[in-house]
Amino acid sequence: MLLEYFPILLFIMIGVALGVGLPIVGAVLSRVLRSHRPDEEKLSPYECGFEAFEDARVKFDVRYYLVAILFIIFDLEIAFLFPWAVALEDIGLYGFIAMMVFLFLLVVGFIYEWKKGALEWD
């Protein structure tokens, strides 16, 4: 009976070996094959606007968090609206009311973002 589970055990062992082995092999190969010539351009701040090597306890501007909240609001709205629209006939009035409550909460979050000025780009 244990022989029937051998393919599953083999599959798990191969998966663990690949999951652990490939990153190690990749790290070793990249260290051996890379060219390490840092210059001022490579060490300059990238996209976030902060210096690459600073104190890790730098305070972030609140606008970063507000933009993240705004992204979550719109992302959640889209992620839940498509399945809801497809299943609207099956879930009936209760599903419609539940989605309206959900959308109301998202609108409240959006209004909060608007009032805090997250939509104003300086």
N, C-alpha and C. Protein backbone atom coordinates (compact mmCIF):
# COMPACT_ATOMS: atom_id res chain seq x y z
N MET A 1 0.82 -1.20 0.00
CA MET A 1 0.00 0.00 0.00
C MET A 1 0.87 1.27 0.00
N LEU A 2 2.00 1.22 0.69
CA LEU A 2 2.89 2.38 0.70
C LEU A 2 3.49 2.63 -0.67
N LEU A 3 3.57 1.59 -1.48
CA LEU A 3 4.11 1.74 -2.82
C LEU A 3 3.24 2.64 -3.69
N GLU A 4 1.96 2.72 -3.38
CA GLU A 4 1.04 3.58 -4.14
C GLU A 4 1.33 5.06 -3.88
N TYR A 5 1.89 5.40 -2.74
CA TYR A 5 2.18 6.79 -2.39
C TYR A 5 3.57 7.22 -2.83
N PHE A 6 4.36 6.29 -3.38
CA PHE A 6 5.71 6.63 -3.80
C PHE A 6 5.77 7.74 -4.86
N PRO A 7 4.90 7.74 -5.89
CA PRO A 7 4.95 8.85 -6.86
C PRO A 7 4.68 10.21 -6.22
N ILE A 8 3.81 10.25 -5.23
CA ILE A 8 3.52 11.52 -4.55
C ILE A 8 4.75 11.96 -3.76
N LEU A 9 5.37 11.02 -3.04
CA LEU A 9 6.57 11.34 -2.28
C LEU A 9 7.70 11.78 -3.20
N LEU A 10 7.85 11.11 -4.33
CA LEU A 10 8.87 11.49 -5.30
C LEU A 10 8.61 12.89 -5.85
N PHE A 11 7.35 13.20 -6.15
CA PHE A 11 6.98 14.52 -6.65
C PHE A 11 7.30 15.60 -5.61
N ILE A 12 7.01 15.34 -4.35
CA ILE A 12 7.30 16.30 -3.28
C ILE A 12 8.81 16.49 -3.14
N MET A 13 9.57 15.39 -3.20
CA MET A 13 11.03 15.50 -3.06
C MET A 13 11.64 16.28 -4.22
N ILE A 14 11.17 16.04 -5.44
CA ILE A 14 11.68 16.79 -6.58
C ILE A 14 11.31 18.26 -6.46
N GLY A 15 10.09 18.55 -6.03
CA GLY A 15 9.67 19.95 -5.85
C GLY A 15 10.49 20.67 -4.81
N VAL A 16 10.76 20.02 -3.69
CA VAL A 16 11.57 20.65 -2.65
C VAL A 16 13.01 20.84 -3.13
N ALA A 17 13.53 19.83 -3.83
CA ALA A 17 14.90 19.94 -4.34
C ALA A 17 15.02 21.08 -5.34
N LEU A 18 14.06 21.21 -6.24
CA LEU A 18 14.09 22.32 -7.19
C LEU A 18 13.88 23.66 -6.50
N GLY A 19 12.97 23.70 -5.54
CA GLY A 19 12.69 24.95 -4.83
C GLY A 19 13.85 25.45 -4.02
N VAL A 20 14.66 24.54 -3.50
CA VAL A 20 15.82 24.94 -2.71
C VAL A 20 17.06 25.05 -3.59
N GLY A 21 17.21 24.11 -4.53
CA GLY A 21 18.42 24.05 -5.33
C GLY A 21 18.56 25.13 -6.37
N LEU A 22 17.49 25.44 -7.10
CA LEU A 22 17.59 26.43 -8.18
C LEU A 22 17.97 27.83 -7.69
N PRO A 23 17.40 28.33 -6.59
CA PRO A 23 17.88 29.64 -6.13
C PRO A 23 19.35 29.63 -5.71
N ILE A 24 19.81 28.52 -5.13
CA ILE A 24 21.22 28.45 -4.73
C ILE A 24 22.11 28.43 -5.96
N VAL A 25 21.75 27.61 -6.94
CA VAL A 25 22.53 27.55 -8.18
C VAL A 25 22.49 28.89 -8.89
N GLY A 26 21.34 29.54 -8.92
CA GLY A 26 21.22 30.85 -9.56
C GLY A 26 22.07 31.90 -8.87
N ALA A 27 22.11 31.87 -7.54
CA ALA A 27 22.92 32.84 -6.81
C ALA A 27 24.40 32.61 -7.06
N VAL A 28 24.81 31.36 -7.08
CA VAL A 28 26.22 31.06 -7.33
C VAL A 28 26.60 31.46 -8.75
N LEU A 29 25.78 31.11 -9.72
CA LEU A 29 26.08 31.46 -11.11
C LEU A 29 26.10 32.97 -11.33
N SER A 30 25.16 33.68 -10.72
CA SER A 30 25.14 35.13 -10.91
C SER A 30 26.36 35.78 -10.26
N ARG A 31 26.82 35.25 -9.16
CA ARG A 31 28.01 35.81 -8.51
C ARG A 31 29.26 35.53 -9.35
N VAL A 32 29.31 34.37 -9.99
CA VAL A 32 30.48 34.01 -10.79
C VAL A 32 30.48 34.76 -12.13
N LEU A 33 29.33 34.90 -12.77
CA LEU A 33 29.26 35.44 -14.11
C LEU A 33 29.02 36.95 -14.19
N ARG A 34 28.69 37.58 -13.09
CA ARG A 34 28.34 39.00 -13.14
C ARG A 34 29.57 39.87 -13.32
N SER A 35 29.31 41.08 -13.78
CA SER A 35 30.36 42.09 -13.81
C SER A 35 30.01 43.10 -12.73
N HIS A 36 30.91 43.34 -11.84
CA HIS A 36 30.65 44.23 -10.70
C HIS A 36 31.42 45.52 -10.89
N ARG A 37 30.77 46.50 -11.54
CA ARG A 37 31.38 47.80 -11.77
C ARG A 37 30.37 48.89 -11.38
N PRO A 38 30.18 49.12 -10.09
CA PRO A 38 29.22 50.16 -9.70
C PRO A 38 29.75 51.55 -10.06
N ASP A 39 28.85 52.39 -10.55
CA ASP A 39 29.21 53.77 -10.83
C ASP A 39 28.16 54.68 -10.20
N GLU A 40 28.32 55.96 -10.39
CA GLU A 40 27.42 56.91 -9.75
C GLU A 40 25.98 56.75 -10.22
N GLU A 41 25.80 56.41 -11.49
CA GLU A 41 24.46 56.23 -12.04
C GLU A 41 23.75 55.03 -11.41
N LYS A 42 24.47 53.94 -11.22
CA LYS A 42 23.87 52.75 -10.64
C LYS A 42 23.55 52.93 -9.17
N LEU A 43 24.31 53.73 -8.48
CA LEU A 43 24.10 53.92 -7.05
C LEU A 43 23.15 55.08 -6.74
N SER A 44 22.62 55.73 -7.76
CA SER A 44 21.73 56.87 -7.55
C SER A 44 20.33 56.39 -7.14
N PRO A 45 19.52 57.27 -6.54
CA PRO A 45 18.16 56.88 -6.15
C PRO A 45 17.34 56.46 -7.36
N TYR A 46 16.54 55.44 -7.18
CA TYR A 46 15.74 54.91 -8.29
C TYR A 46 14.27 54.93 -7.92
N GLU A 47 13.46 55.58 -8.67
CA GLU A 47 12.00 55.67 -8.60
C GLU A 47 11.46 56.19 -7.27
N CYS A 48 11.91 55.70 -6.15
CA CYS A 48 11.31 56.12 -4.89
C CYS A 48 11.81 57.49 -4.45
N GLY A 49 12.95 57.93 -4.95
CA GLY A 49 13.43 59.25 -4.63
C GLY A 49 14.31 59.32 -3.40
N PHE A 50 14.53 58.20 -2.72
CA PHE A 50 15.39 58.19 -1.55
C PHE A 50 16.78 57.73 -1.94
N GLU A 51 17.76 58.15 -1.18
CA GLU A 51 19.11 57.69 -1.43
C GLU A 51 19.19 56.18 -1.17
N ALA A 52 20.04 55.51 -1.93
CA ALA A 52 20.11 54.05 -1.86
C ALA A 52 20.62 53.56 -0.51
N PHE A 53 21.56 54.27 0.09
CA PHE A 53 22.14 53.81 1.34
C PHE A 53 21.98 54.90 2.40
N GLU A 54 20.89 54.82 3.13
CA GLU A 54 20.60 55.77 4.21
C GLU A 54 20.25 54.98 5.46
N ASP A 55 19.88 55.73 6.47
CA ASP A 55 19.39 55.12 7.68
C ASP A 55 18.04 54.46 7.38
N ALA A 56 17.83 53.27 7.84
CA ALA A 56 16.60 52.53 7.55
C ALA A 56 15.40 53.09 8.32
N ARG A 57 15.64 53.95 9.28
CA ARG A 57 14.53 54.47 10.09
C ARG A 57 14.08 55.85 9.61
N VAL A 58 14.17 56.10 8.31
CA VAL A 58 13.73 57.36 7.75
C VAL A 58 12.21 57.39 7.73
N LYS A 59 11.62 58.50 8.12
CA LYS A 59 10.16 58.62 8.10
C LYS A 59 9.69 58.83 6.68
N PHE A 60 8.65 58.09 6.31
CA PHE A 60 8.07 58.22 4.98
C PHE A 60 6.98 59.26 5.00
N ASP A 61 6.78 59.87 3.86
CA ASP A 61 5.68 60.81 3.71
C ASP A 61 4.36 60.05 3.76
N VAL A 62 3.35 60.64 4.34
CA VAL A 62 2.05 60.00 4.49
C VAL A 62 1.43 59.71 3.12
N ARG A 63 1.79 60.47 2.11
CA ARG A 63 1.19 60.28 0.79
C ARG A 63 1.50 58.89 0.21
N TYR A 64 2.62 58.31 0.58
CA TYR A 64 2.92 56.95 0.11
C TYR A 64 1.86 55.98 0.63
N TYR A 65 1.50 56.11 1.90
CA TYR A 65 0.49 55.23 2.48
C TYR A 65 -0.88 55.51 1.89
N LEU A 66 -1.19 56.76 1.64
CA LEU A 66 -2.48 57.10 1.07
C LEU A 66 -2.62 56.55 -0.35
N VAL A 67 -1.55 56.60 -1.12
CA VAL A 67 -1.59 56.02 -2.46
C VAL A 67 -1.77 54.51 -2.38
N ALA A 68 -1.13 53.87 -1.41
CA ALA A 68 -1.29 52.43 -1.23
C ALA A 68 -2.73 52.08 -0.86
N ILE A 69 -3.33 52.86 0.02
CA ILE A 69 -4.73 52.63 0.38
C ILE A 69 -5.62 52.83 -0.83
N LEU A 70 -5.36 53.84 -1.61
CA LEU A 70 -6.15 54.10 -2.81
C LEU A 70 -6.04 52.94 -3.79
N PHE A 71 -4.84 52.40 -3.96
CA PHE A 71 -4.67 51.25 -4.84
C PHE A 71 -5.47 50.07 -4.34
N ILE A 72 -5.44 49.81 -3.04
CA ILE A 72 -6.18 48.69 -2.48
C ILE A 72 -7.68 48.88 -2.68
N ILE A 73 -8.16 50.10 -2.55
CA ILE A 73 -9.59 50.36 -2.74
C ILE A 73 -10.00 49.99 -4.16
N PHE A 74 -9.29 50.46 -5.15
CA PHE A 74 -9.68 50.18 -6.53
C PHE A 74 -9.41 48.72 -6.91
N ASP A 75 -8.35 48.16 -6.38
CA ASP A 75 -8.04 46.77 -6.68
C ASP A 75 -9.10 45.84 -6.12
N LEU A 76 -9.51 46.06 -4.89
CA LEU A 76 -10.56 45.23 -4.29
C LEU A 76 -11.89 45.40 -5.03
N GLU A 77 -12.17 46.61 -5.40
CA GLU A 77 -13.44 46.86 -6.08
C GLU A 77 -13.52 46.07 -7.38
N ILE A 78 -12.48 46.11 -8.17
CA ILE A 78 -12.49 45.38 -9.44
C ILE A 78 -12.47 43.88 -9.21
N ALA A 79 -11.70 43.43 -8.23
CA ALA A 79 -11.59 41.98 -7.98
C ALA A 79 -12.91 41.38 -7.54
N PHE A 80 -13.74 42.15 -6.85
CA PHE A 80 -15.02 41.62 -6.38
C PHE A 80 -16.18 41.94 -7.31
N LEU A 81 -16.05 42.94 -8.15
CA LEU A 81 -17.18 43.30 -9.02
C LEU A 81 -17.39 42.32 -10.17
N PHE A 82 -16.34 41.79 -10.75
CA PHE A 82 -16.51 40.87 -11.88
C PHE A 82 -17.24 39.59 -11.48
N PRO A 83 -16.81 38.87 -10.43
CA PRO A 83 -17.56 37.66 -10.08
C PRO A 83 -18.99 37.98 -9.63
N TRP A 84 -19.16 39.12 -8.96
CA TRP A 84 -20.49 39.51 -8.52
C TRP A 84 -21.40 39.74 -9.71
N ALA A 85 -20.89 40.41 -10.75
CA ALA A 85 -21.70 40.69 -11.93
C ALA A 85 -22.08 39.40 -12.66
N VAL A 86 -21.18 38.43 -12.67
CA VAL A 86 -21.48 37.18 -13.35
C VAL A 86 -22.54 36.38 -12.58
N ALA A 87 -22.48 36.39 -11.26
CA ALA A 87 -23.38 35.58 -10.45
C ALA A 87 -24.57 36.37 -9.91
N LEU A 88 -24.85 37.53 -10.44
CA LEU A 88 -25.91 38.38 -9.88
C LEU A 88 -27.27 37.72 -9.92
N GLU A 89 -27.59 37.01 -10.99
CA GLU A 89 -28.90 36.36 -11.07
C GLU A 89 -29.05 35.26 -10.03
N ASP A 90 -27.96 34.58 -9.71
CA ASP A 90 -28.01 33.47 -8.76
C ASP A 90 -28.08 33.94 -7.31
N ILE A 91 -27.46 35.05 -6.98
CA ILE A 91 -27.40 35.47 -5.58
C ILE A 91 -28.57 36.36 -5.19
N GLY A 92 -29.28 36.91 -6.14
CA GLY A 92 -30.52 37.63 -5.87
C GLY A 92 -30.36 38.95 -5.14
N LEU A 93 -31.42 39.32 -4.44
CA LEU A 93 -31.48 40.61 -3.75
C LEU A 93 -30.48 40.70 -2.61
N TYR A 94 -30.28 39.59 -1.88
CA TYR A 94 -29.33 39.60 -0.78
C TYR A 94 -27.92 39.91 -1.28
N GLY A 95 -27.51 39.29 -2.37
CA GLY A 95 -26.19 39.55 -2.95
C GLY A 95 -26.07 40.97 -3.45
N PHE A 96 -27.17 41.50 -4.01
CA PHE A 96 -27.14 42.89 -4.48
C PHE A 96 -26.95 43.85 -3.31
N ILE A 97 -27.69 43.63 -2.23
CA ILE A 97 -27.58 44.51 -1.06
C ILE A 97 -26.19 44.40 -0.43
N ALA A 98 -25.66 43.18 -0.34
CA ALA A 98 -24.33 42.99 0.23
C ALA A 98 -23.28 43.73 -0.60
N MET A 99 -23.40 43.69 -1.92
CA MET A 99 -22.43 44.39 -2.77
C MET A 99 -22.60 45.90 -2.65
N MET A 100 -23.81 46.39 -2.49
CA MET A 100 -24.01 47.82 -2.32
C MET A 100 -23.37 48.30 -1.01
N VAL A 101 -23.47 47.49 0.06
CA VAL A 101 -22.82 47.85 1.32
C VAL A 101 -21.30 47.88 1.12
N PHE A 102 -20.78 46.88 0.41
CA PHE A 102 -19.34 46.83 0.12
C PHE A 102 -18.90 48.05 -0.68
N LEU A 103 -19.64 48.38 -1.72
CA LEU A 103 -19.30 49.55 -2.53
C LEU A 103 -19.41 50.85 -1.73
N PHE A 104 -20.37 50.91 -0.83
CA PHE A 104 -20.51 52.09 0.02
C PHE A 104 -19.26 52.26 0.89
N LEU A 105 -18.76 51.15 1.46
CA LEU A 105 -17.54 51.24 2.27
C LEU A 105 -16.33 51.67 1.43
N LEU A 106 -16.27 51.19 0.20
CA LEU A 106 -15.18 51.61 -0.68
C LEU A 106 -15.30 53.09 -1.04
N VAL A 107 -16.51 53.57 -1.23
CA VAL A 107 -16.71 54.99 -1.54
C VAL A 107 -16.31 55.84 -0.33
N VAL A 108 -16.62 55.37 0.87
CA VAL A 108 -16.19 56.09 2.08
C VAL A 108 -14.67 56.17 2.12
N GLY A 109 -13.98 55.07 1.79
CA GLY A 109 -12.52 55.10 1.73
C GLY A 109 -12.00 56.05 0.67
N PHE A 110 -12.68 56.06 -0.48
CA PHE A 110 -12.28 56.97 -1.56
C PHE A 110 -12.45 58.43 -1.14
N ILE A 111 -13.55 58.73 -0.48
CA ILE A 111 -13.79 60.11 -0.02
C ILE A 111 -12.74 60.51 1.02
N TYR A 112 -12.36 59.57 1.89
CA TYR A 112 -11.31 59.83 2.86
C TYR A 112 -10.00 60.19 2.15
N GLU A 113 -9.67 59.42 1.12
CA GLU A 113 -8.47 59.70 0.34
C GLU A 113 -8.55 61.08 -0.31
N TRP A 114 -9.70 61.40 -0.84
CA TRP A 114 -9.90 62.67 -1.52
C TRP A 114 -9.72 63.82 -0.55
N LYS A 115 -10.33 63.69 0.63
CA LYS A 115 -10.23 64.75 1.64
C LYS A 115 -8.80 64.91 2.16
N LYS A 116 -8.04 63.82 2.22
CA LYS A 116 -6.66 63.90 2.69
C LYS A 116 -5.71 64.45 1.63
N GLY A 117 -6.20 64.59 0.38
CA GLY A 117 -5.40 65.17 -0.67
C GLY A 117 -4.51 64.18 -1.40
N ALA A 118 -4.85 62.89 -1.34
CA ALA A 118 -4.01 61.89 -2.01
C ALA A 118 -4.14 61.99 -3.52
N LEU A 119 -5.19 62.61 -4.02
CA LEU A 119 -5.38 62.72 -5.46
C LEU A 119 -4.74 63.98 -6.04
N GLU A 120 -4.18 64.80 -5.20
CA GLU A 120 -3.54 66.04 -5.65
C GLU A 120 -2.04 65.78 -5.80
N TRP A 121 -1.52 65.91 -7.00
CA TRP A 121 -0.11 65.70 -7.25
C TRP A 121 0.58 67.04 -7.34
N ASP A 122 1.56 67.24 -6.47
CA ASP A 122 2.29 68.52 -6.42
C ASP A 122 3.44 68.50 -7.38
